[in-house]
Amino acid sequence: MSFTTIQVDADLAAALGKLKTHHRQSYNEVIATLVEFFRDSKSGIEYDEFLRRIQQPKMKELWDNKYDEVWENV
C-alpha cells in the first residue's frame, strides 16, 4: 500500500478527529468511512428519486380528481 500526503486546514483536521470512533483510529480510516457513507447515501438518494418518479403518475391520479375538489368546497 502506498501513501500520500494531503493538506487540510486545522478546522477540518479537528472535525476529522471528532469523527474517530476510537483514539487510535487513523485519519485514513475516518476518510474511508466517510467515502463509504457517501457512496451508500448517494445510491439511496438515487433509489428514492427512482421511486418518486414511478409513483408520481399514480399520486397525481389519486390527488387530482373531481371528487377531492368537491370536498374542498364543502
Protein backbone atom coordinates (compact mmCIF):
# COMPACT_ATOMS: atom_id res chain seq x y z
CA MET A 1 0.00 0.00 0.00
CA SER A 2 1.32 3.42 -0.84
CA PHE A 3 0.54 6.63 0.99
CA THR A 4 0.37 10.27 0.03
CA THR A 5 0.11 13.49 1.98
CA ILE A 6 -2.85 15.80 1.68
CA GLN A 7 -3.21 19.26 3.14
CA VAL A 8 -6.26 20.16 5.18
CA ASP A 9 -6.82 23.21 7.32
CA ALA A 10 -6.80 22.94 11.10
CA ASP A 11 -10.59 23.12 11.38
CA LEU A 12 -11.07 20.19 9.02
CA ALA A 13 -8.40 18.17 10.84
CA ALA A 14 -10.22 18.85 14.12
CA ALA A 15 -13.55 17.82 12.57
CA LEU A 16 -11.99 14.58 11.30
CA GLY A 17 -10.56 13.98 14.75
CA LYS A 18 -14.03 14.27 16.28
CA LEU A 19 -15.31 11.59 13.88
CA LYS A 20 -12.88 8.98 15.16
CA THR A 21 -14.63 6.04 16.79
CA HIS A 22 -11.56 5.33 18.95
CA HIS A 23 -8.47 7.37 19.76
CA ARG A 24 -6.08 5.19 17.74
CA GLN A 25 -8.19 5.25 14.56
CA SER A 26 -6.25 6.75 11.65
CA TYR A 27 -7.47 9.63 9.52
CA ASN A 28 -7.28 7.21 6.59
CA GLU A 29 -9.92 5.02 8.26
CA VAL A 30 -12.09 8.04 9.07
CA ILE A 31 -11.97 9.27 5.48
CA ALA A 32 -12.63 5.76 4.13
CA THR A 33 -15.72 5.56 6.35
CA LEU A 34 -16.92 8.94 5.05
CA VAL A 35 -16.41 7.85 1.44
CA GLU A 36 -18.34 4.61 2.04
CA PHE A 37 -21.15 6.52 3.75
CA PHE A 38 -21.32 8.98 0.85
CA ARG A 39 -21.50 6.18 -1.72
CA ASP A 40 -24.24 4.41 0.24
CA SER A 41 -26.29 7.57 0.73
CA LYS A 42 -25.86 8.57 -2.91
CA SER A 43 -27.25 5.25 -4.10
CA GLY A 44 -30.06 5.60 -1.55
CA ILE A 45 -30.90 9.06 -2.87
CA GLU A 46 -30.95 7.73 -6.43
CA TYR A 47 -33.29 4.92 -5.34
CA ASP A 48 -35.60 7.38 -3.57
CA GLU A 49 -35.67 9.55 -6.68
CA PHE A 50 -36.49 6.48 -8.81
CA LEU A 51 -39.39 5.56 -6.50
CA ARG A 52 -40.69 9.12 -6.51
CA ARG A 53 -40.70 9.21 -10.31
CA ILE A 54 -42.52 5.94 -10.76
CA GLN A 55 -45.10 6.82 -8.09
CA GLN A 56 -45.73 10.33 -9.34
CA PRO A 57 -48.33 9.46 -12.05
CA LYS A 58 -50.40 7.38 -9.62
CA MET A 59 -50.22 10.04 -6.92
CA LYS A 60 -51.34 12.66 -9.44
CA GLU A 61 -54.25 10.40 -10.40
CA LEU A 62 -55.21 9.94 -6.75
CA TRP A 63 -54.95 13.57 -5.69
CA ASP A 64 -56.04 15.44 -8.81
CA ASN A 65 -59.62 14.33 -9.23
CA LYS A 66 -63.03 15.97 -9.19
CA TYR A 67 -64.13 14.18 -6.01
CA ASP A 68 -61.42 15.85 -3.93
CA GLU A 69 -62.38 19.22 -5.36
CA VAL A 70 -65.98 18.73 -4.20
CA TRP A 71 -64.84 18.05 -0.62
CA GLU A 72 -62.59 21.11 -0.63
CA ASN A 73 -65.60 23.32 -1.33
CA VAL A 74 -67.92 21.86 1.32
